[in-house]
Amino acid sequence: MSRRRIGFWYRLAAVICKPPLLVLFKRDWRGMEHIPADGGFITAVNHNSYLDPLSYAHYQYNTGRVPRFLAKAGLFKSGFVGLMMRGTGQIPVYRETTDAATAFRAAVNAIEKGECVAFYPEGTLTRDPAQWPMQGKTGAARVALLTKAPVIPVAQWGANEAMPPYAKEKKLQLFPRKTLRVKAGPPVDLSEFYGQEPTAEVLRAVTEKIMAAITAELAGIRGETAPAEPFDYRKEIARERRAAREAARAAAAAEAARTGDAVLEPAESAAPAAPSQQVRSNSQAQEDEGK
């Protein structure tokens, strides 16, 4: 069985990043025995902080099996970050272009060469109010069914306490000293899906099983009971839009009652969203275009 060597650039990244992580944070690492010693595999990781890729990468580096992340193509273009992304062999994702399938092929090739490819199945920072993993996307499921490589669920908690997701200011909250908790679980058993046509239903079922495994590991870290169903942000946006339309109708009816004017029922598609929601929806639409 093969495995990727760590290489110069990853070691350089470790020299730069590990000292501040060791000084500024405590660590609670579990489940390293589940990281395969050889051969290609997938890790599926929850995402609740801009800082947690460093937390997870530190954990994985110490197992001797360095991950290849799928990352925005823009990060590879220039500067020191781009140099490090290229040097460490991360996989660029070309969103909404004719090259969008390149990342998928690169992930499959990397696994077939005996490497680890790390997926954040949520596609973005979780929007769940309690920061549980939300509904995942199907990229990891597609690669898993094609390669039949082990899928290792990885849960993490603590980076979000130092840098909360979607905070107005992306400032580190270092004191009191936070503990970065990372836990890998046993491979997700996907054998029941092997050989099936990768339809939307099958890919969704595989994704749900992967996300359930990540959530179970996170529940163990947090010592809490996870929600029965993962947060679905698209449904939440739809619910908030309906609420905004109802509020607009109610306001129009109240104004009509006050002035004695007739109420003109707005077209469903033209109903305005609340100003704060409009900004949020536009921002999320732009973000979703990149997934």
C-alpha atoms as a PDB file:
ATOM      1  CA  MET A   1       0.000   0.000   0.000  1.00  0.00           C
ATOM      2  CA  SER A   2       1.178   3.537  -0.752  1.00  0.00           C
ATOM      3  CA  ARG A   3       1.105   6.756   1.195  1.00  0.00           C
ATOM      4  CA  ARG A   4       2.140  10.286   0.408  1.00  0.00           C
ATOM      5  CA  ARG A   5       5.342  11.645   1.884  1.00  0.00           C
ATOM      6  CA  ILE A   6       4.972  14.800   3.904  1.00  0.00           C
ATOM      7  CA  GLY A   7       7.444  16.762   1.784  1.00  0.00           C
ATOM      8  CA  PHE A   8       9.265  20.066   2.142  1.00  0.00           C
ATOM      9  CA  TRP A   9       6.335  22.466   1.818  1.00  0.00           C
ATOM     10  CA  TYR A  10       4.158  20.720   4.376  1.00  0.00           C
ATOM     11  CA  ARG A  11       7.065  20.614   6.805  1.00  0.00           C
ATOM     12  CA  LEU A  12       7.639  24.319   6.234  1.00  0.00           C
ATOM     13  CA  ALA A  13       3.967  25.016   6.914  1.00  0.00           C
ATOM     14  CA  ALA A  14       4.260  23.007  10.121  1.00  0.00           C
ATOM     15  CA  VAL A  15       7.335  24.976  11.209  1.00  0.00           C
ATOM     16  CA  ILE A  16       5.374  28.205  10.726  1.00  0.00           C
ATOM     17  CA  CYS A  17       2.000  27.181  12.153  1.00  0.00           C
ATOM     18  CA  LYS A  18       2.651  24.662  14.904  1.00  0.00           C
ATOM     19  CA  PRO A  19       4.536  26.873  17.416  1.00  0.00           C
ATOM     20  CA  PRO A  20       1.727  29.450  17.842  1.00  0.00           C
ATOM     21  CA  LEU A  21      -0.887  26.678  17.967  1.00  0.00           C
ATOM     22  CA  LEU A  22       1.088  24.902  20.693  1.00  0.00           C
ATOM     23  CA  VAL A  23       1.554  28.098  22.694  1.00  0.00           C
ATOM     24  CA  LEU A  24      -1.894  29.623  22.327  1.00  0.00           C
ATOM     25  CA  PHE A  25      -4.125  26.546  22.617  1.00  0.00           C
ATOM     26  CA  LYS A  26      -4.544  23.379  24.607  1.00  0.00           C
ATOM     27  CA  ARG A  27      -5.315  20.150  22.722  1.00  0.00           C
ATOM     28  CA  ASP A  28      -7.673  17.252  23.231  1.00  0.00           C
ATOM     29  CA  TRP A  29      -7.029  14.823  20.385  1.00  0.00           C
ATOM     30  CA  ARG A  30      -8.744  11.471  20.110  1.00  0.00           C
ATOM     31  CA  GLY A  31      -9.276   8.716  17.564  1.00  0.00           C
ATOM     32  CA  MET A  32      -5.948   8.888  15.740  1.00  0.00           C
ATOM     33  CA  GLU A  33      -6.010   5.094  15.556  1.00  0.00           C
ATOM     34  CA  HIS A  34      -8.798   5.403  12.991  1.00  0.00           C
ATOM     35  CA  ILE A  35      -6.567   7.262  10.519  1.00  0.00           C
ATOM     36  CA  PRO A  36      -5.348   4.612   8.021  1.00  0.00           C
ATOM     37  CA  ALA A  37      -1.610   3.964   8.102  1.00  0.00           C
ATOM     38  CA  ASP A  38      -1.470   3.335   4.348  1.00  0.00           C
ATOM     39  CA  GLY A  39      -3.574   3.771   1.225  1.00  0.00           C
ATOM     40  CA  GLY A  40      -5.874   6.484   0.044  1.00  0.00           C
ATOM     41  CA  PHE A  41      -8.783   7.660   2.156  1.00  0.00           C
ATOM     42  CA  ILE A  42     -11.243  10.487   2.699  1.00  0.00           C
ATOM     43  CA  THR A  43     -11.754  12.568   5.805  1.00  0.00           C
ATOM     44  CA  ALA A  44     -15.104  14.330   6.229  1.00  0.00           C
ATOM     45  CA  VAL A  45     -14.810  17.216   8.676  1.00  0.00           C
ATOM     46  CA  ASN A  46     -17.288  19.636  10.252  1.00  0.00           C
ATOM     47  CA  HIS A  47     -16.661  23.361   9.833  1.00  0.00           C
ATOM     48  CA  ASN A  48     -17.554  25.943  12.490  1.00  0.00           C
ATOM     49  CA  SER A  49     -14.703  28.473  12.430  1.00  0.00           C
ATOM     50  CA  TYR A  50     -12.300  30.123  10.016  1.00  0.00           C
ATOM     51  CA  LEU A  51      -9.609  28.822  12.346  1.00  0.00           C
ATOM     52  CA  ASP A  52     -10.565  25.149  12.363  1.00  0.00           C
ATOM     53  CA  PRO A  53      -8.678  24.152   9.160  1.00  0.00           C
ATOM     54  CA  LEU A  54      -5.482  24.864  11.102  1.00  0.00           C
ATOM     55  CA  SER A  55      -6.739  22.896  14.096  1.00  0.00           C
ATOM     56  CA  TYR A  56      -7.647  19.899  11.949  1.00  0.00           C
ATOM     57  CA  ALA A  57      -4.471  20.119   9.831  1.00  0.00           C
ATOM     58  CA  HIS A  58      -2.344  20.135  13.010  1.00  0.00           C
ATOM     59  CA  TYR A  59      -4.125  17.014  14.244  1.00  0.00           C
ATOM     60  CA  GLN A  60      -3.834  15.214  10.920  1.00  0.00           C
ATOM     61  CA  TYR A  61      -0.186  16.208  10.413  1.00  0.00           C
ATOM     62  CA  ASN A  62       0.691  14.544  13.694  1.00  0.00           C
ATOM     63  CA  THR A  63      -0.749  11.246  12.450  1.00  0.00           C
ATOM     64  CA  GLY A  64       1.814  11.248   9.638  1.00  0.00           C
ATOM     65  CA  ARG A  65      -0.932  11.328   6.968  1.00  0.00           C
ATOM     66  CA  VAL A  66      -1.176  14.875   5.678  1.00  0.00           C
ATOM     67  CA  PRO A  67      -4.470  15.939   4.062  1.00  0.00           C
ATOM     68  CA  ARG A  68      -5.084  17.567   0.711  1.00  0.00           C
ATOM     69  CA  PHE A  69      -7.839  20.135   1.097  1.00  0.00           C
ATOM     70  CA  LEU A  70     -10.242  21.268  -1.597  1.00  0.00           C
ATOM     71  CA  ALA A  71      -9.977  25.061  -1.579  1.00  0.00           C
ATOM     72  CA  LYS A  72     -11.105  28.074  -3.615  1.00  0.00           C
ATOM     73  CA  ALA A  73      -9.008  28.475  -6.757  1.00  0.00           C
ATOM     74  CA  GLY A  74      -8.441  32.141  -5.933  1.00  0.00           C
ATOM     75  CA  LEU A  75      -6.248  31.188  -2.977  1.00  0.00           C
ATOM     76  CA  PHE A  76      -3.700  29.613  -5.331  1.00  0.00           C
ATOM     77  CA  LYS A  77      -3.090  32.634  -7.547  1.00  0.00           C
ATOM     78  CA  SER A  78      -0.564  34.846  -5.805  1.00  0.00           C
ATOM     79  CA  GLY A  79       1.388  35.720  -2.719  1.00  0.00           C
ATOM     80  CA  PHE A  80       2.748  33.570   0.051  1.00  0.00           C
ATOM     81  CA  VAL A  81      -0.612  31.840   0.630  1.00  0.00           C
ATOM     82  CA  GLY A  82      -0.780  30.822  -3.014  1.00  0.00           C
ATOM     83  CA  LEU A  83       2.788  29.539  -2.876  1.00  0.00           C
ATOM     84  CA  MET A  84       2.005  27.417   0.176  1.00  0.00           C
ATOM     85  CA  MET A  85      -1.257  26.117  -1.311  1.00  0.00           C
ATOM     86  CA  ARG A  86       0.522  25.001  -4.462  1.00  0.00           C
ATOM     87  CA  GLY A  87       3.554  23.686  -2.638  1.00  0.00           C
ATOM     88  CA  THR A  88       1.554  21.552  -0.208  1.00  0.00           C
ATOM     89  CA  GLY A  89      -0.505  20.084  -3.038  1.00  0.00           C
ATOM     90  CA  GLN A  90      -3.938  21.390  -2.099  1.00  0.00           C
ATOM     91  CA  ILE A  91      -6.680  20.941  -4.704  1.00  0.00           C
ATOM     92  CA  PRO A  92      -8.135  24.088  -6.337  1.00  0.00           C
ATOM     93  CA  VAL A  93     -11.893  24.250  -6.805  1.00  0.00           C
ATOM     94  CA  TYR A  94     -12.959  26.217  -9.887  1.00  0.00           C
ATOM     95  CA  ARG A  95     -16.494  27.210  -9.023  1.00  0.00           C
ATOM     96  CA  GLU A  96     -19.173  27.613 -11.672  1.00  0.00           C
ATOM     97  CA  THR A  97     -16.748  27.250 -14.599  1.00  0.00           C
ATOM     98  CA  THR A  98     -15.993  24.681 -17.274  1.00  0.00           C
ATOM     99  CA  ASP A  99     -13.164  23.500 -14.973  1.00  0.00           C
ATOM    100  CA  ALA A 100     -15.531  22.740 -12.078  1.00  0.00           C
ATOM    101  CA  ALA A 101     -15.025  18.970 -12.501  1.00  0.00           C
ATOM    102  CA  THR A 102     -11.245  19.315 -12.217  1.00  0.00           C
ATOM    103  CA  ALA A 103     -11.325  19.176  -8.405  1.00  0.00           C
ATOM    104  CA  PHE A 104     -13.397  15.988  -8.508  1.00  0.00           C
ATOM    105  CA  ARG A 105     -10.920  14.282 -10.846  1.00  0.00           C
ATOM    106  CA  ALA A 106      -7.967  15.528  -8.797  1.00  0.00           C
ATOM    107  CA  ALA A 107      -9.510  14.166  -5.596  1.00  0.00           C
ATOM    108  CA  VAL A 108     -10.091  10.763  -7.171  1.00  0.00           C
ATOM    109  CA  ASN A 109      -6.544  10.663  -8.570  1.00  0.00           C
ATOM    110  CA  ALA A 110      -5.057  11.640  -5.212  1.00  0.00           C
ATOM    111  CA  ILE A 111      -6.909   8.871  -3.388  1.00  0.00           C
ATOM    112  CA  GLU A 112      -5.911   6.312  -6.011  1.00  0.00           C
ATOM    113  CA  LYS A 113      -2.294   7.356  -5.407  1.00  0.00           C
ATOM    114  CA  GLY A 114      -2.657   6.608  -1.703  1.00  0.00           C
ATOM    115  CA  GLU A 115      -3.276  10.118  -0.404  1.00  0.00           C
ATOM    116  CA  CYS A 116      -5.785  11.628   2.008  1.00  0.00           C
ATOM    117  CA  VAL A 117      -8.343  14.100   0.661  1.00  0.00           C
ATOM    118  CA  ALA A 118     -10.181  16.210   3.225  1.00  0.00           C
ATOM    119  CA  PHE A 119     -13.756  17.299   2.543  1.00  0.00           C
ATOM    120  CA  TYR A 120     -15.847  19.850   4.394  1.00  0.00           C
ATOM    121  CA  PRO A 121     -19.201  18.377   3.298  1.00  0.00           C
ATOM    122  CA  GLU A 122     -21.199  21.371   4.553  1.00  0.00           C
ATOM    123  CA  GLY A 123     -19.482  23.490   1.902  1.00  0.00           C
ATOM    124  CA  THR A 124     -19.231  26.490   4.221  1.00  0.00           C
ATOM    125  CA  LEU A 125     -19.278  27.412   7.893  1.00  0.00           C
ATOM    126  CA  THR A 126     -22.272  25.859   9.598  1.00  0.00           C
ATOM    127  CA  ARG A 127     -25.353  28.059   9.843  1.00  0.00           C
ATOM    128  CA  ASP A 128     -26.882  25.937  12.581  1.00  0.00           C
ATOM    129  CA  PRO A 129     -27.645  28.281  15.522  1.00  0.00           C
ATOM    130  CA  ALA A 130     -26.019  25.848  17.969  1.00  0.00           C
ATOM    131  CA  GLN A 131     -23.113  25.139  15.578  1.00  0.00           C
ATOM    132  CA  TRP A 132     -23.991  21.519  14.902  1.00  0.00           C
ATOM    133  CA  PRO A 133     -23.134  20.181  11.427  1.00  0.00           C
ATOM    134  CA  MET A 134     -25.792  21.175   8.942  1.00  0.00           C
ATOM    135  CA  GLN A 135     -27.008  19.335   5.868  1.00  0.00           C
ATOM    136  CA  GLY A 136     -24.060  18.291   3.699  1.00  0.00           C
ATOM    137  CA  LYS A 137     -23.333  18.451   0.003  1.00  0.00           C
ATOM    138  CA  THR A 138     -22.685  15.359  -2.111  1.00  0.00           C
ATOM    139  CA  GLY A 139     -19.078  15.848  -3.270  1.00  0.00           C
ATOM    140  CA  ALA A 140     -17.533  13.512  -0.690  1.00  0.00           C
ATOM    141  CA  ALA A 141     -20.229  10.920  -1.398  1.00  0.00           C
ATOM    142  CA  ARG A 142     -19.457  10.954  -5.121  1.00  0.00           C
ATOM    143  CA  VAL A 143     -15.747  10.398  -4.557  1.00  0.00           C
ATOM    144  CA  ALA A 144     -16.390   7.757  -1.897  1.00  0.00           C
ATOM    145  CA  LEU A 145     -18.647   5.681  -4.158  1.00  0.00           C
ATOM    146  CA  LEU A 146     -16.252   5.913  -7.090  1.00  0.00           C
ATOM    147  CA  THR A 147     -13.073   5.045  -5.162  1.00  0.00           C
ATOM    148  CA  LYS A 148     -14.578   2.867  -2.374  1.00  0.00           C
ATOM    149  CA  ALA A 149     -11.949   4.480  -0.155  1.00  0.00           C
ATOM    150  CA  PRO A 150     -12.470   4.589   3.624  1.00  0.00           C
ATOM    151  CA  VAL A 151     -14.397   7.660   4.786  1.00  0.00           C
ATOM    152  CA  ILE A 152     -13.214   8.814   8.217  1.00  0.00           C
ATOM    153  CA  PRO A 153     -15.588  11.194  10.048  1.00  0.00           C
ATOM    154  CA  VAL A 154     -13.729  13.912  11.940  1.00  0.00           C
ATOM    155  CA  ALA A 155     -15.397  16.230  14.440  1.00  0.00           C
ATOM    156  CA  GLN A 156     -13.833  19.308  15.971  1.00  0.00           C
ATOM    157  CA  TRP A 157     -14.782  21.868  18.571  1.00  0.00           C
ATOM    158  CA  GLY A 158     -12.922  24.734  20.228  1.00  0.00           C
ATOM    159  CA  ALA A 159     -11.648  26.775  17.310  1.00  0.00           C
ATOM    160  CA  ASN A 160     -15.152  28.257  17.155  1.00  0.00           C
ATOM    161  CA  GLU A 161     -14.751  29.480  20.729  1.00  0.00           C
ATOM    162  CA  ALA A 162     -11.577  31.350  19.757  1.00  0.00           C
ATOM    163  CA  MET A 163     -13.010  32.634  16.460  1.00  0.00           C
ATOM    164  CA  PRO A 164     -16.812  32.285  16.330  1.00  0.00           C
ATOM    165  CA  PRO A 165     -18.378  31.789  12.906  1.00  0.00           C
ATOM    166  CA  TYR A 166     -19.961  34.818  11.259  1.00  0.00           C
ATOM    167  CA  ALA A 167     -18.782  37.159  13.979  1.00  0.00           C
ATOM    168  CA  LYS A 168     -18.926  40.832  12.962  1.00  0.00           C
ATOM    169  CA  GLU A 169     -15.190  41.114  13.590  1.00  0.00           C
ATOM    170  CA  LYS A 170     -12.881  38.193  12.846  1.00  0.00           C
ATOM    171  CA  LYS A 171     -10.803  38.636  15.985  1.00  0.00           C
ATOM    172  CA  LEU A 172      -9.199  35.876  17.998  1.00  0.00           C
ATOM    173  CA  GLN A 173     -10.520  35.462  21.527  1.00  0.00           C
ATOM    174  CA  LEU A 174      -7.493  33.758  23.053  1.00  0.00           C
ATOM    175  CA  PHE A 175      -8.154  34.214  26.768  1.00  0.00           C
ATOM    176  CA  PRO A 176      -8.973  32.211  28.686  1.00  0.00           C
ATOM    177  CA  ARG A 177      -6.871  29.683  26.766  1.00  0.00           C
ATOM    178  CA  LYS A 178      -9.090  27.512  24.565  1.00  0.00           C
ATOM    179  CA  THR A 179      -8.860  23.765  23.972  1.00  0.00           C
ATOM    180  CA  LEU A 180      -8.891  22.532  20.381  1.00  0.00           C
ATOM    181  CA  ARG A 181     -10.795  19.244  20.439  1.00  0.00           C
ATOM    182  CA  VAL A 182     -10.509  16.940  17.423  1.00  0.00           C
ATOM    183  CA  LYS A 183     -11.812  13.386  17.223  1.00  0.00           C
ATOM    184  CA  ALA A 184     -11.736  10.905  14.345  1.00  0.00           C
ATOM    185  CA  GLY A 185     -14.229   8.053  14.298  1.00  0.00           C
ATOM    186  CA  PRO A 186     -14.178   4.641  12.631  1.00  0.00           C
ATOM    187  CA  PRO A 187     -14.751   4.487   8.869  1.00  0.00           C
ATOM    188  CA  VAL A 188     -18.344   5.013   7.770  1.00  0.00           C
ATOM    189  CA  ASP A 189     -19.759   1.746   6.394  1.00  0.00           C
ATOM    190  CA  LEU A 190     -20.978   2.583   2.897  1.00  0.00           C
ATOM    191  CA  SER A 191     -20.832  -0.948   1.497  1.00  0.00           C
ATOM    192  CA  GLU A 192     -24.611  -1.076   1.036  1.00  0.00           C
ATOM    193  CA  PHE A 193     -24.288   1.631  -1.637  1.00  0.00           C
ATOM    194  CA  TYR A 194     -21.429   0.118  -3.633  1.00  0.00           C
ATOM    195  CA  GLY A 195     -22.481  -0.910  -7.111  1.00  0.00           C
ATOM    196  CA  GLN A 196     -25.568   1.285  -7.108  1.00  0.00           C
ATOM    197  CA  GLU A 197     -26.160   3.960  -9.715  1.00  0.00           C
ATOM    198  CA  PRO A 198     -25.089   7.285  -8.163  1.00  0.00           C
ATOM    199  CA  THR A 199     -28.501   8.889  -8.452  1.00  0.00           C
ATOM    200  CA  ALA A 200     -29.451  12.004  -6.519  1.00  0.00           C
ATOM    201  CA  GLU A 201     -31.288   9.812  -3.994  1.00  0.00           C
ATOM    202  CA  VAL A 202     -28.292   7.518  -3.469  1.00  0.00           C
ATOM    203  CA  LEU A 203     -25.845  10.405  -3.135  1.00  0.00           C
ATOM    204  CA  ARG A 204     -28.155  12.104  -0.637  1.00  0.00           C
ATOM    205  CA  ALA A 205     -28.427   8.901   1.416  1.00  0.00           C
ATOM    206  CA  VAL A 206     -24.627   8.474   1.452  1.00  0.00           C
ATOM    207  CA  THR A 207     -24.148  12.112   2.432  1.00  0.00           C
ATOM    208  CA  GLU A 208     -26.677  11.825   5.257  1.00  0.00           C
ATOM    209  CA  LYS A 209     -24.867   8.773   6.608  1.00  0.00           C
ATOM    210  CA  ILE A 210     -21.521  10.585   6.523  1.00  0.00           C
ATOM    211  CA  MET A 211     -22.965  13.683   8.220  1.00  0.00           C
ATOM    212  CA  ALA A 212     -24.648  11.535  10.876  1.00  0.00           C
ATOM    213  CA  ALA A 213     -21.273   9.969  11.698  1.00  0.00           C
ATOM    214  CA  ILE A 214     -19.596  13.380  12.022  1.00  0.00           C
ATOM    215  CA  THR A 215     -22.436  14.636  14.207  1.00  0.00           C
ATOM    216  CA  ALA A 216     -22.226  11.577  16.468  1.00  0.00           C
ATOM    217  CA  GLU A 217     -18.521  12.209  17.040  1.00  0.00           C
ATOM    218  CA  LEU A 218     -19.188  15.874  17.788  1.00  0.00           C
ATOM    219  CA  ALA A 219     -21.927  14.946  20.258  1.00  0.00           C
ATOM    220  CA  GLY A 220     -19.334  12.868  22.105  1.00  0.00           C
ATOM    221  CA  ILE A 221     -16.904  15.783  22.205  1.00  0.00           C
ATOM    222  CA  ARG A 222     -19.544  18.237  23.395  1.00  0.00           C
ATOM    223  CA  GLY A 223     -21.237  15.825  25.786  1.00  0.00           C
ATOM    224  CA  GLU A 224     -24.591  16.900  24.390  1.00  0.00           C
ATOM    225  CA  THR A 225     -27.439  15.389  22.403  1.00  0.00           C
ATOM    226  CA  ALA A 226     -27.404  16.406  18.749  1.00  0.00           C
ATOM    227  CA  PRO A 227     -30.557  17.567  16.954  1.00  0.00           C
ATOM    228  CA  ALA A 228     -32.698  14.819  15.460  1.00  0.00           C
ATOM    229  CA  GLU A 229     -32.401  16.408  11.994  1.00  0.00           C
ATOM    230  CA  PRO A 230     -29.518  18.445  10.546  1.00  0.00           C
ATOM    231  CA  PHE A 231     -30.099  22.113   9.968  1.00  0.00           C
ATOM    232  CA  ASP A 232     -31.214  22.861   6.384  1.00  0.00           C
ATOM    233  CA  TYR A 233     -30.226  26.426   5.591  1.00  0.00           C
ATOM    234  CA  ARG A 234     -32.141  26.560   2.318  1.00  0.00           C
ATOM    235  CA  LYS A 235     -35.358  25.685   4.117  1.00  0.00           C
ATOM    236  CA  GLU A 236     -34.579  28.295   6.759  1.00  0.00           C
ATOM    237  CA  ILE A 237     -34.117  30.969   4.089  1.00  0.00           C
ATOM    238  CA  ALA A 238     -37.427  29.950   2.491  1.00  0.00           C
ATOM    239  CA  ARG A 239     -39.159  30.137   5.892  1.00  0.00           C
ATOM    240  CA  GLU A 240     -37.747  33.601   6.585  1.00  0.00           C
ATOM    241  CA  ARG A 241     -38.817  34.816   3.147  1.00  0.00           C
ATOM    242  CA  ARG A 242     -42.360  33.583   3.780  1.00  0.00           C
ATOM    243  CA  ALA A 243     -42.356  35.357   7.135  1.00  0.00           C
ATOM    244  CA  ALA A 244     -41.144  38.551   5.462  1.00  0.00           C
ATOM    245  CA  ARG A 245     -43.943  38.355   2.872  1.00  0.00           C
ATOM    246  CA  GLU A 246     -46.544  37.796   5.579  1.00  0.00           C
ATOM    247  CA  ALA A 247     -45.159  40.732   7.552  1.00  0.00           C
ATOM    248  CA  ALA A 248     -45.342  42.923   4.445  1.00  0.00           C
ATOM    249  CA  ARG A 249     -48.949  41.893   3.829  1.00  0.00           C
ATOM    250  CA  ALA A 250     -49.865  42.545   7.457  1.00  0.00           C
ATOM    251  CA  ALA A 251     -48.227  45.977   7.342  1.00  0.00           C
ATOM    252  CA  ALA A 252     -50.070  46.802   4.115  1.00  0.00           C
ATOM    253  CA  ALA A 253     -53.375  45.680   5.624  1.00  0.00           C
ATOM    254  CA  ALA A 254     -52.785  47.743   8.746  1.00  0.00           C
ATOM    255  CA  GLU A 255     -51.958  50.817   6.665  1.00  0.00           C
ATOM    256  CA  ALA A 256     -55.034  50.263   4.504  1.00  0.00           C
ATOM    257  CA  ALA A 257     -57.225  49.965   7.597  1.00  0.00           C
ATOM    258  CA  ARG A 258     -55.792  53.218   8.924  1.00  0.00           C
ATOM    259  CA  THR A 259     -56.250  55.158   5.682  1.00  0.00           C
ATOM    260  CA  GLY A 260     -59.293  53.368   4.296  1.00  0.00           C
ATOM    261  CA  ASP A 261     -57.498  52.452   1.069  1.00  0.00           C
ATOM    262  CA  ALA A 262     -57.858  49.118  -0.706  1.00  0.00           C
ATOM    263  CA  VAL A 263     -55.106  46.583  -0.180  1.00  0.00           C
ATOM    264  CA  LEU A 264     -53.284  45.551  -3.344  1.00  0.00           C
ATOM    265  CA  GLU A 265     -52.070  41.962  -2.920  1.00  0.00           C
ATOM    266  CA  PRO A 266     -48.444  41.803  -4.124  1.00  0.00           C
ATOM    267  CA  ALA A 267     -47.456  39.119  -6.605  1.00  0.00           C
ATOM    268  CA  GLU A 268     -45.859  36.141  -4.884  1.00  0.00           C
ATOM    269  CA  SER A 269     -42.602  36.511  -6.746  1.00  0.00           C
ATOM    270  CA  ALA A 270     -42.436  40.242  -6.160  1.00  0.00           C
ATOM    271  CA  ALA A 271     -42.962  40.232  -2.401  1.00  0.00           C
ATOM    272  CA  PRO A 272     -40.185  42.242  -0.780  1.00  0.00           C
ATOM    273  CA  ALA A 273     -37.912  40.730   1.833  1.00  0.00           C
ATOM    274  CA  ALA A 274     -37.118  42.545   5.021  1.00  0.00           C
ATOM    275  CA  PRO A 275     -34.049  44.801   4.486  1.00  0.00           C
ATOM    276  CA  SER A 276     -31.805  42.777   6.814  1.00  0.00           C
ATOM    277  CA  GLN A 277     -32.938  39.529   5.246  1.00  0.00           C
ATOM    278  CA  GLN A 278     -32.427  40.928   1.732  1.00  0.00           C
ATOM    279  CA  VAL A 279     -28.765  41.604   2.510  1.00  0.00           C
ATOM    280  CA  ARG A 280     -28.352  38.196   4.111  1.00  0.00           C
ATOM    281  CA  SER A 281     -30.075  36.409   1.230  1.00  0.00           C
ATOM    282  CA  ASN A 282     -27.979  38.164  -1.385  1.00  0.00           C
ATOM    283  CA  SER A 283     -24.817  37.306   0.501  1.00  0.00           C
ATOM    284  CA  GLN A 284     -25.849  33.684   0.854  1.00  0.00           C
ATOM    285  CA  ALA A 285     -26.813  33.492  -2.832  1.00  0.00           C
ATOM    286  CA  GLN A 286     -23.331  34.616  -3.791  1.00  0.00           C
ATOM    287  CA  GLU A 287     -21.842  32.073  -1.424  1.00  0.00           C
ATOM    288  CA  ASP A 288     -24.065  29.263  -2.725  1.00  0.00           C
ATOM    289  CA  GLU A 289     -22.958  29.993  -6.277  1.00  0.00           C
ATOM    290  CA  GLY A 290     -19.506  28.850  -5.268  1.00  0.00           C
ATOM    291  CA  LYS A 291     -20.546  25.469  -3.915  1.00  0.00           C
END
